[in-house]
PDB file of N, CA and C in Angstrom:
ATOM      1  N   MET A   1      17.845  -7.351 -49.516  1.00  0.00           N
ATOM      2  CA  MET A   1      17.059  -8.169 -48.760  1.00  0.00           C
ATOM      3  C   MET A   1      15.866  -7.275 -48.149  1.00  0.00           C
ATOM      4  N   LEU A   2      14.750  -7.608 -48.084  1.00  0.00           N
ATOM      5  CA  LEU A   2      14.043  -7.117 -47.463  1.00  0.00           C
ATOM      6  C   LEU A   2      13.554  -7.993 -46.625  1.00  0.00           C
ATOM      7  N   VAL A   3      13.531  -7.081 -45.185  1.00  0.00           N
ATOM      8  CA  VAL A   3      13.913  -8.241 -43.975  1.00  0.00           C
ATOM      9  C   VAL A   3      12.057  -7.248 -43.095  1.00  0.00           C
ATOM     10  N   ILE A   4      11.199  -8.087 -42.756  1.00  0.00           N
ATOM     11  CA  ILE A   4      10.074  -7.474 -41.659  1.00  0.00           C
ATOM     12  C   ILE A   4      10.555  -7.829 -40.554  1.00  0.00           C
ATOM     13  N   VAL A   5       9.968  -6.938 -39.604  1.00  0.00           N
ATOM     14  CA  VAL A   5      10.595  -6.993 -38.357  1.00  0.00           C
ATOM     15  C   VAL A   5       9.183  -6.667 -37.436  1.00  0.00           C
ATOM     16  N   CYS A   6       8.598  -7.726 -36.874  1.00  0.00           N
ATOM     17  CA  CYS A   6       7.281  -7.402 -35.822  1.00  0.00           C
ATOM     18  C   CYS A   6       8.173  -7.709 -34.682  1.00  0.00           C
ATOM     19  N   TYR A   7       7.239  -6.533 -33.744  1.00  0.00           N
ATOM     20  CA  TYR A   7       7.304  -7.144 -32.123  1.00  0.00           C
ATOM     21  C   TYR A   7       6.245  -6.843 -31.024  1.00  0.00           C
ATOM     22  N   ASP A   8       6.148  -7.144 -29.634  1.00  0.00           N
ATOM     23  CA  ASP A   8       5.102  -7.133 -29.128  1.00  0.00           C
ATOM     24  C   ASP A   8       5.690  -7.055 -27.772  1.00  0.00           C
ATOM     25  N   VAL A   9       5.585  -5.790 -26.911  1.00  0.00           N
ATOM     26  CA  VAL A   9       5.773  -5.430 -25.870  1.00  0.00           C
ATOM     27  C   VAL A   9       5.113  -5.377 -25.176  1.00  0.00           C
ATOM     28  N   ASN A  10       5.700  -5.532 -23.624  1.00  0.00           N
ATOM     29  CA  ASN A  10       4.337  -5.514 -22.669  1.00  0.00           C
ATOM     30  C   ASN A  10       4.669  -4.331 -21.739  1.00  0.00           C
ATOM     31  N   THR A  11       3.654  -3.376 -22.149  1.00  0.00           N
ATOM     32  CA  THR A  11       3.616  -2.095 -21.749  1.00  0.00           C
ATOM     33  C   THR A  11       2.629  -1.731 -20.508  1.00  0.00           C
ATOM     34  N   GLU A  12       2.629  -2.523 -19.559  1.00  0.00           N
ATOM     35  CA  GLU A  12       1.934  -2.401 -18.574  1.00  0.00           C
ATOM     36  C   GLU A  12       2.715  -1.949 -17.291  1.00  0.00           C
ATOM     37  N   ASP A  13       3.962  -1.351 -17.829  1.00  0.00           N
ATOM     38  CA  ASP A  13       4.675  -0.355 -16.752  1.00  0.00           C
ATOM     39  C   ASP A  13       5.118   0.506 -17.123  1.00  0.00           C
ATOM     40  N   ALA A  14       5.986   1.338 -16.946  1.00  0.00           N
ATOM     41  CA  ALA A  14       6.605   2.480 -17.480  1.00  0.00           C
ATOM     42  C   ALA A  14       8.181   1.752 -18.247  1.00  0.00           C
ATOM     43  N   ALA A  15       8.279   1.090 -17.696  1.00  0.00           N
ATOM     44  CA  ALA A  15       9.757   0.018 -18.461  1.00  0.00           C
ATOM     45  C   ALA A  15       9.157  -0.258 -19.585  1.00  0.00           C
ATOM     46  N   GLY A  16       8.219  -1.043 -19.604  1.00  0.00           N
ATOM     47  CA  GLY A  16       7.605  -1.688 -21.123  1.00  0.00           C
ATOM     48  C   GLY A  16       7.325  -0.548 -22.055  1.00  0.00           C
ATOM     49  N   ARG A  17       6.604   0.426 -21.900  1.00  0.00           N
ATOM     50  CA  ARG A  17       6.321   1.693 -23.037  1.00  0.00           C
ATOM     51  C   ARG A  17       7.532   2.593 -22.845  1.00  0.00           C
ATOM     52  N   ARG A  18       8.777   2.332 -22.424  1.00  0.00           N
ATOM     53  CA  ARG A  18       9.797   3.147 -22.480  1.00  0.00           C
ATOM     54  C   ARG A  18      10.655   2.205 -24.053  1.00  0.00           C
ATOM     55  N   ARG A  19      10.837   1.376 -23.491  1.00  0.00           N
ATOM     56  CA  ARG A  19      11.654  -0.384 -24.726  1.00  0.00           C
ATOM     57  C   ARG A  19      10.387  -0.509 -25.669  1.00  0.00           C
ATOM     58  N   LEU A  20       9.385   0.464 -25.756  1.00  0.00           N
ATOM     59  CA  LEU A  20       8.371  -0.041 -27.280  1.00  0.00           C
ATOM     60  C   LEU A  20       8.795   1.322 -28.177  1.00  0.00           C
ATOM     61  N   ARG A  21       9.137   2.449 -27.110  1.00  0.00           N
ATOM     62  CA  ARG A  21       9.694   3.748 -28.235  1.00  0.00           C
ATOM     63  C   ARG A  21      10.857   3.822 -28.488  1.00  0.00           C
ATOM     64  N   GLN A  22      11.550   2.852 -28.210  1.00  0.00           N
ATOM     65  CA  GLN A  22      13.266   2.636 -28.296  1.00  0.00           C
ATOM     66  C   GLN A  22      13.005   1.705 -29.668  1.00  0.00           C
ATOM     67  N   ALA A  23      12.203   0.480 -29.316  1.00  0.00           N
ATOM     68  CA  ALA A  23      12.487  -0.805 -30.771  1.00  0.00           C
ATOM     69  C   ALA A  23      11.768   0.382 -31.649  1.00  0.00           C
ATOM     70  N   ALA A  24      10.732   0.866 -31.564  1.00  0.00           N
ATOM     71  CA  ALA A  24      10.076   1.888 -32.866  1.00  0.00           C
ATOM     72  C   ALA A  24      11.154   2.983 -33.382  1.00  0.00           C
ATOM     73  N   LYS A  25      11.931   3.417 -32.457  1.00  0.00           N
ATOM     74  CA  LYS A  25      12.790   4.252 -33.328  1.00  0.00           C
ATOM     75  C   LYS A  25      13.783   3.803 -33.856  1.00  0.00           C
ATOM     76  N   ALA A  26      14.337   2.568 -33.141  1.00  0.00           N
ATOM     77  CA  ALA A  26      15.597   1.432 -33.926  1.00  0.00           C
ATOM     78  C   ALA A  26      14.782   1.033 -35.456  1.00  0.00           C
ATOM     79  N   CYS A  27      13.674   0.754 -34.984  1.00  0.00           N
ATOM     80  CA  CYS A  27      13.300   0.213 -36.310  1.00  0.00           C
ATOM     81  C   CYS A  27      12.717   1.179 -37.338  1.00  0.00           C
ATOM     82  N   GLU A  28      12.673   2.301 -37.242  1.00  0.00           N
ATOM     83  CA  GLU A  28      12.262   3.578 -37.522  1.00  0.00           C
ATOM     84  C   GLU A  28      13.425   4.232 -38.474  1.00  0.00           C
ATOM     85  N   SER A  29      14.507   4.242 -37.899  1.00  0.00           N
ATOM     86  CA  SER A  29      15.669   4.561 -38.260  1.00  0.00           C
ATOM     87  C   SER A  29      16.514   3.576 -39.830  1.00  0.00           C
ATOM     88  N   ARG A  30      15.936   2.236 -39.513  1.00  0.00           N
ATOM     89  CA  ARG A  30      16.566   1.216 -40.466  1.00  0.00           C
ATOM     90  C   ARG A  30      15.157   1.344 -41.752  1.00  0.00           C
ATOM     91  N   GLY A  31      13.926   1.614 -41.255  1.00  0.00           N
ATOM     92  CA  GLY A  31      12.888   1.192 -42.482  1.00  0.00           C
ATOM     93  C   GLY A  31      11.595   1.892 -42.819  1.00  0.00           C
ATOM     94  N   GLN A  32      10.398   1.370 -42.740  1.00  0.00           N
ATOM     95  CA  GLN A  32       9.388   2.065 -42.545  1.00  0.00           C
ATOM     96  C   GLN A  32       7.969   1.458 -42.203  1.00  0.00           C
ATOM     97  N   ARG A  33       7.980   2.249 -41.404  1.00  0.00           N
ATOM     98  CA  ARG A  33       6.504   1.409 -40.535  1.00  0.00           C
ATOM     99  C   ARG A  33       5.717   1.088 -41.558  1.00  0.00           C
ATOM    100  N   VAL A  34       4.915  -0.242 -41.347  1.00  0.00           N
ATOM    101  CA  VAL A  34       3.785  -0.384 -42.242  1.00  0.00           C
ATOM    102  C   VAL A  34       2.555  -1.122 -41.777  1.00  0.00           C
ATOM    103  N   GLN A  35       2.926  -1.366 -39.973  1.00  0.00           N
ATOM    104  CA  GLN A  35       2.131  -1.178 -39.124  1.00  0.00           C
ATOM    105  C   GLN A  35       2.124  -0.648 -37.461  1.00  0.00           C
ATOM    106  N   LYS A  36       1.381  -0.554 -37.052  1.00  0.00           N
ATOM    107  CA  LYS A  36       1.635  -0.260 -35.789  1.00  0.00           C
ATOM    108  C   LYS A  36       3.035  -0.645 -34.887  1.00  0.00           C
ATOM    109  N   SER A  37       3.188  -2.242 -34.428  1.00  0.00           N
ATOM    110  CA  SER A  37       4.606  -2.868 -34.400  1.00  0.00           C
ATOM    111  C   SER A  37       5.511  -3.529 -35.789  1.00  0.00           C
ATOM    112  N   VAL A  38       5.226  -3.004 -37.327  1.00  0.00           N
ATOM    113  CA  VAL A  38       5.640  -4.098 -38.352  1.00  0.00           C
ATOM    114  C   VAL A  38       6.589  -2.797 -38.996  1.00  0.00           C
ATOM    115  N   PHE A  39       7.461  -3.515 -39.376  1.00  0.00           N
ATOM    116  CA  PHE A  39       8.489  -2.587 -40.074  1.00  0.00           C
ATOM    117  C   PHE A  39       9.282  -3.226 -41.467  1.00  0.00           C
ATOM    118  N   GLU A  40       9.029  -2.819 -42.209  1.00  0.00           N
ATOM    119  CA  GLU A  40       9.578  -3.409 -43.817  1.00  0.00           C
ATOM    120  C   GLU A  40      11.065  -2.739 -43.412  1.00  0.00           C
ATOM    121  N   CYS A  41      12.341  -3.271 -43.265  1.00  0.00           N
ATOM    122  CA  CYS A  41      13.451  -2.686 -43.886  1.00  0.00           C
ATOM    123  C   CYS A  41      14.307  -3.419 -45.109  1.00  0.00           C
ATOM    124  N   GLN A  42      14.566  -2.371 -45.928  1.00  0.00           N
ATOM    125  CA  GLN A  42      15.647  -3.062 -47.183  1.00  0.00           C
ATOM    126  C   GLN A  42      17.136  -3.082 -46.634  1.00  0.00           C
ATOM    127  N   LEU A  43      18.025  -3.985 -46.162  1.00  0.00           N
ATOM    128  CA  LEU A  43      19.039  -4.596 -45.322  1.00  0.00           C
ATOM    129  C   LEU A  43      19.799  -4.856 -46.384  1.00  0.00           C
ATOM    130  N   ASP A  44      20.727  -5.362 -45.688  1.00  0.00           N
ATOM    131  CA  ASP A  44      22.176  -6.028 -46.215  1.00  0.00           C
ATOM    132  C   ASP A  44      22.453  -6.999 -44.897  1.00  0.00           C
ATOM    133  N   LEU A  45      23.431  -7.788 -45.440  1.00  0.00           N
ATOM    134  CA  LEU A  45      23.243  -8.657 -43.885  1.00  0.00           C
ATOM    135  C   LEU A  45      23.925  -8.216 -42.715  1.00  0.00           C
ATOM    136  N   ALA A  46      24.776  -6.932 -42.627  1.00  0.00           N
ATOM    137  CA  ALA A  46      25.480  -6.579 -41.791  1.00  0.00           C
ATOM    138  C   ALA A  46      24.760  -5.365 -41.098  1.00  0.00           C
ATOM    139  N   GLY A  47      23.619  -5.232 -42.158  1.00  0.00           N
ATOM    140  CA  GLY A  47      22.672  -4.233 -41.473  1.00  0.00           C
ATOM    141  C   GLY A  47      21.744  -5.027 -40.685  1.00  0.00           C
ATOM    142  N   LEU A  48      21.076  -6.245 -41.248  1.00  0.00           N
ATOM    143  CA  LEU A  48      20.383  -7.278 -40.501  1.00  0.00           C
ATOM    144  C   LEU A  48      21.001  -7.127 -39.222  1.00  0.00           C
ATOM    145  N   GLU A  49      22.045  -7.835 -39.178  1.00  0.00           N
ATOM    146  CA  GLU A  49      22.814  -8.171 -37.736  1.00  0.00           C
ATOM    147  C   GLU A  49      22.767  -7.031 -37.079  1.00  0.00           C
ATOM    148  N   GLU A  50      22.734  -5.654 -36.654  1.00  0.00           N
ATOM    149  CA  GLU A  50      23.041  -4.594 -36.494  1.00  0.00           C
ATOM    150  C   GLU A  50      22.058  -3.938 -35.934  1.00  0.00           C
ATOM    151  N   LEU A  51      20.923  -4.173 -36.879  1.00  0.00           N
ATOM    152  CA  LEU A  51      19.385  -4.142 -36.075  1.00  0.00           C
ATOM    153  C   LEU A  51      18.927  -5.068 -34.954  1.00  0.00           C
ATOM    154  N   GLU A  52      19.306  -6.340 -35.595  1.00  0.00           N
ATOM    155  CA  GLU A  52      18.793  -7.479 -34.778  1.00  0.00           C
ATOM    156  C   GLU A  52      19.324  -7.339 -33.028  1.00  0.00           C
ATOM    157  N   ARG A  53      20.656  -6.583 -33.017  1.00  0.00           N
ATOM    158  CA  ARG A  53      21.362  -6.867 -32.006  1.00  0.00           C
ATOM    159  C   ARG A  53      21.030  -5.781 -31.244  1.00  0.00           C
ATOM    160  N   ARG A  54      20.348  -4.476 -32.222  1.00  0.00           N
ATOM    161  CA  ARG A  54      20.097  -3.527 -31.259  1.00  0.00           C
ATOM    162  C   ARG A  54      19.011  -3.729 -30.568  1.00  0.00           C
ATOM    163  N   LEU A  55      17.693  -4.308 -31.435  1.00  0.00           N
ATOM    164  CA  LEU A  55      16.796  -4.863 -30.381  1.00  0.00           C
ATOM    165  C   LEU A  55      16.704  -5.497 -29.560  1.00  0.00           C
ATOM    166  N   LEU A  56      17.362  -6.600 -29.612  1.00  0.00           N
ATOM    167  CA  LEU A  56      17.687  -7.266 -28.692  1.00  0.00           C
ATOM    168  C   LEU A  56      18.022  -6.586 -27.200  1.00  0.00           C
ATOM    169  N   SER A  57      18.771  -5.929 -27.347  1.00  0.00           N
ATOM    170  CA  SER A  57      19.344  -5.333 -26.435  1.00  0.00           C
ATOM    171  C   SER A  57      18.588  -4.167 -25.614  1.00  0.00           C
ATOM    172  N   ILE A  58      17.621  -4.230 -26.341  1.00  0.00           N
ATOM    173  CA  ILE A  58      15.944  -3.158 -25.760  1.00  0.00           C
ATOM    174  C   ILE A  58      15.089  -4.263 -25.144  1.00  0.00           C
ATOM    175  N   MET A  59      14.916  -5.166 -25.695  1.00  0.00           N
ATOM    176  CA  MET A  59      13.902  -5.803 -25.607  1.00  0.00           C
ATOM    177  C   MET A  59      14.037  -6.506 -24.429  1.00  0.00           C
ATOM    178  N   ASP A  60      12.974  -7.085 -23.375  1.00  0.00           N
ATOM    179  CA  ASP A  60      12.945  -8.185 -22.504  1.00  0.00           C
ATOM    180  C   ASP A  60      12.365  -9.052 -22.723  1.00  0.00           C
ATOM    181  N   LEU A  61      13.268 -10.152 -22.590  1.00  0.00           N
ATOM    182  CA  LEU A  61      12.971 -11.642 -23.923  1.00  0.00           C
ATOM    183  C   LEU A  61      11.829 -12.406 -22.616  1.00  0.00           C
ATOM    184  N   GLU A  62      11.816 -12.150 -21.766  1.00  0.00           N
ATOM    185  CA  GLU A  62      11.145 -12.613 -20.292  1.00  0.00           C
ATOM    186  C   GLU A  62       9.161 -12.115 -20.836  1.00  0.00           C
ATOM    187  N   ARG A  63       9.214 -11.101 -21.543  1.00  0.00           N
ATOM    188  CA  ARG A  63       8.158 -10.325 -21.057  1.00  0.00           C
ATOM    189  C   ARG A  63       7.860 -10.316 -22.701  1.00  0.00           C
ATOM    190  N   ASP A  64       8.611  -9.684 -23.461  1.00  0.00           N
ATOM    191  CA  ASP A  64       8.217  -8.995 -24.987  1.00  0.00           C
ATOM    192  C   ASP A  64       9.045 -10.476 -25.854  1.00  0.00           C
ATOM    193  N   CYS A  65       8.636 -10.004 -27.025  1.00  0.00           N
ATOM    194  CA  CYS A  65       8.460 -10.739 -28.829  1.00  0.00           C
ATOM    195  C   CYS A  65       9.562 -10.054 -29.406  1.00  0.00           C
ATOM    196  N   LEU A  66       9.819 -10.476 -30.416  1.00  0.00           N
ATOM    197  CA  LEU A  66      10.331 -10.104 -31.327  1.00  0.00           C
ATOM    198  C   LEU A  66      10.807 -10.879 -32.739  1.00  0.00           C
ATOM    199  N   ARG A  67      10.473 -10.638 -34.072  1.00  0.00           N
ATOM    200  CA  ARG A  67      10.434 -11.715 -35.062  1.00  0.00           C
ATOM    201  C   ARG A  67      10.761 -11.402 -35.889  1.00  0.00           C
ATOM    202  N   LEU A  68      12.341 -11.468 -36.543  1.00  0.00           N
ATOM    203  CA  LEU A  68      12.478 -10.933 -37.936  1.00  0.00           C
ATOM    204  C   LEU A  68      12.036 -11.857 -39.108  1.00  0.00           C
ATOM    205  N   TYR A  69      11.777 -11.285 -40.210  1.00  0.00           N
ATOM    206  CA  TYR A  69      11.405 -12.377 -41.267  1.00  0.00           C
ATOM    207  C   TYR A  69      12.545 -11.768 -42.485  1.00  0.00           C
ATOM    208  N   ARG A  70      13.144 -12.520 -43.053  1.00  0.00           N
ATOM    209  CA  ARG A  70      14.370 -12.290 -43.903  1.00  0.00           C
ATOM    210  C   ARG A  70      13.699 -12.774 -45.390  1.00  0.00           C
ATOM    211  N   LEU A  71      13.073 -12.174 -46.042  1.00  0.00           N
ATOM    212  CA  LEU A  71      13.046 -12.130 -47.564  1.00  0.00           C
ATOM    213  C   LEU A  71      14.715 -11.970 -48.785  1.00  0.00           C
ATOM    214  N   SER A  72      14.742 -13.232 -49.116  1.00  0.00           N
ATOM    215  CA  SER A  72      15.860 -12.871 -50.008  1.00  0.00           C
ATOM    216  C   SER A  72      15.114 -12.640 -51.205  1.00  0.00           C
ATOM    217  N   ASP A  73      16.191 -11.534 -52.161  1.00  0.00           N
ATOM    218  CA  ASP A  73      15.310 -11.203 -53.142  1.00  0.00           C
ATOM    219  C   ASP A  73      15.632 -12.566 -54.303  1.00  0.00           C
ATOM    220  N   GLY A  74      16.574 -13.444 -54.228  1.00  0.00           N
ATOM    221  CA  GLY A  74      17.133 -14.537 -54.950  1.00  0.00           C
ATOM    222  C   GLY A  74      15.597 -15.367 -55.075  1.00  0.00           C
ATOM    223  N   ARG A  75      14.945 -15.615 -53.941  1.00  0.00           N
ATOM    224  CA  ARG A  75      13.752 -16.883 -54.279  1.00  0.00           C
ATOM    225  C   ARG A  75      12.393 -15.985 -54.495  1.00  0.00           C
ATOM    226  N   GLY A  76      12.674 -14.405 -54.508  1.00  0.00           N
ATOM    227  CA  GLY A  76      11.222 -13.741 -54.892  1.00  0.00           C
ATOM    228  C   GLY A  76      10.703 -13.123 -53.855  1.00  0.00           C
ATOM    229  N   CYS A  77       9.986 -12.331 -53.708  1.00  0.00           N
ATOM    230  CA  CYS A  77       8.927 -11.916 -53.312  1.00  0.00           C
ATOM    231  C   CYS A  77       7.776 -11.611 -53.583  1.00  0.00           C
ATOM    232  N   GLU A  78       6.848 -12.178 -52.739  1.00  0.00           N
ATOM    233  CA  GLU A  78       5.301 -11.242 -52.954  1.00  0.00           C
ATOM    234  C   GLU A  78       4.640 -10.303 -52.009  1.00  0.00           C
ATOM    235  N   VAL A  79       4.421  -9.156 -51.863  1.00  0.00           N
ATOM    236  CA  VAL A  79       3.881  -8.496 -51.071  1.00  0.00           C
ATOM    237  C   VAL A  79       2.260  -7.810 -51.551  1.00  0.00           C
ATOM    238  N   ARG A  80       1.082  -8.427 -51.200  1.00  0.00           N
ATOM    239  CA  ARG A  80      -0.339  -8.092 -51.261  1.00  0.00           C
ATOM    240  C   ARG A  80      -0.681  -7.169 -50.545  1.00  0.00           C
ATOM    241  N   GLU A  81      -0.882  -6.005 -50.911  1.00  0.00           N
ATOM    242  CA  GLU A  81      -1.366  -4.864 -49.795  1.00  0.00           C
ATOM    243  C   GLU A  81      -2.903  -4.391 -50.275  1.00  0.00           C
ATOM    244  N   HIS A  82      -3.711  -4.228 -48.632  1.00  0.00           N
ATOM    245  CA  HIS A  82      -4.946  -4.046 -49.269  1.00  0.00           C
ATOM    246  C   HIS A  82      -5.337  -2.891 -48.076  1.00  0.00           C
ATOM    247  N   GLY A  83      -5.961  -1.890 -48.650  1.00  0.00           N
ATOM    248  CA  GLY A  83      -6.364  -0.948 -47.690  1.00  0.00           C
ATOM    249  C   GLY A  83      -5.886   0.069 -47.894  1.00  0.00           C
ATOM    250  N   ARG A  84      -5.542   1.172 -46.743  1.00  0.00           N
ATOM    251  CA  ARG A  84      -4.785   2.959 -47.449  1.00  0.00           C
ATOM    252  C   ARG A  84      -3.362   2.484 -47.562  1.00  0.00           C
ATOM    253  N   PHE A  85      -2.723   2.050 -46.340  1.00  0.00           N
ATOM    254  CA  PHE A  85      -1.470   2.328 -46.959  1.00  0.00           C
ATOM    255  C   PHE A  85      -0.832   1.667 -48.314  1.00  0.00           C
ATOM    256  N   ARG A  86       0.169   2.309 -48.687  1.00  0.00           N
ATOM    257  CA  ARG A  86       0.698   1.940 -49.610  1.00  0.00           C
ATOM    258  C   ARG A  86       2.131   1.991 -49.136  1.00  0.00           C
ATOM    259  N   ALA A  87       2.971   1.486 -49.276  1.00  0.00           N
ATOM    260  CA  ALA A  87       4.655   1.037 -49.027  1.00  0.00           C
ATOM    261  C   ALA A  87       5.460   1.731 -50.076  1.00  0.00           C
ATOM    262  N   GLN A  88       6.495   2.600 -49.741  1.00  0.00           N
ATOM    263  CA  GLN A  88       7.350   2.924 -50.301  1.00  0.00           C
ATOM    264  C   GLN A  88       8.080   1.710 -51.078  1.00  0.00           C
ATOM    265  N   ASP A  89       8.382   1.954 -52.707  1.00  0.00           N
ATOM    266  CA  ASP A  89       9.071   0.661 -53.327  1.00  0.00           C
ATOM    267  C   ASP A  89      10.203   1.165 -53.236  1.00  0.00           C
ATOM    268  N   PHE A  90      11.226   0.583 -52.773  1.00  0.00           N
ATOM    269  CA  PHE A  90      12.319   0.670 -52.543  1.00  0.00           C
ATOM    270  C   PHE A  90      13.209   0.585 -53.626  1.00  0.00           C
ATOM    271  N   ASP A  91      12.767  -0.358 -54.794  1.00  0.00           N
ATOM    272  CA  ASP A  91      13.372  -0.028 -56.130  1.00  0.00           C
ATOM    273  C   ASP A  91      13.225   0.503 -57.284  1.00  0.00           C
ATOM    274  N   ALA A  92      12.091   1.691 -56.920  1.00  0.00           N
ATOM    275  CA  ALA A  92      11.952   2.669 -57.800  1.00  0.00           C
ATOM    276  C   ALA A  92      12.919   3.660 -57.681  1.00  0.00           C
ATOM    277  N   PRO A  93      13.050   4.414 -58.938  1.00  0.00           N
ATOM    278  CA  PRO A  93      13.729   5.553 -59.153  1.00  0.00           C
ATOM    279  C   PRO A  93      13.495   6.550 -57.892  1.00  0.00           C
ATOM    280  N   LEU A  94      14.169   7.508 -57.330  1.00  0.00           N
ATOM    281  CA  LEU A  94      14.912   8.310 -56.319  1.00  0.00           C
ATOM    282  C   LEU A  94      14.492   9.567 -56.883  1.00  0.00           C
ATOM    283  N   VAL A  95      13.390   9.918 -56.822  1.00  0.00           N
ATOM    284  CA  VAL A  95      13.511  11.986 -57.341  1.00  0.00           C
ATOM    285  C   VAL A  95      13.562  12.376 -56.484  1.00  0.00           C
ATOM    286  N   PHE A  96      13.960  13.538 -56.449  1.00  0.00           N
ATOM    287  CA  PHE A  96      14.145  14.589 -55.340  1.00  0.00           C
ATOM    288  C   PHE A  96      13.275  15.888 -56.014  1.00  0.00           C
TER     289      PHE A  96
END
């Protein structure tokens, strides 16, 4: 399933800047960055739960915000892209 991960981290102090870097690294390890704090991840249910647990352990929920959008393959999904960035097609053949 396609999962959209969005977060907003309060970076007013050094701890917040550290949380921001940690959140980005966690998301980069599981998906692709499409905007500064927005990632597209192709995950199964176990992968989604693992990423969510990891991000929740990083975030300060009193100061930060985390949103995960789960887009099921069965319901269909349409992504409209505008601008310079073009996302990787997860369903396309993999060529080395």
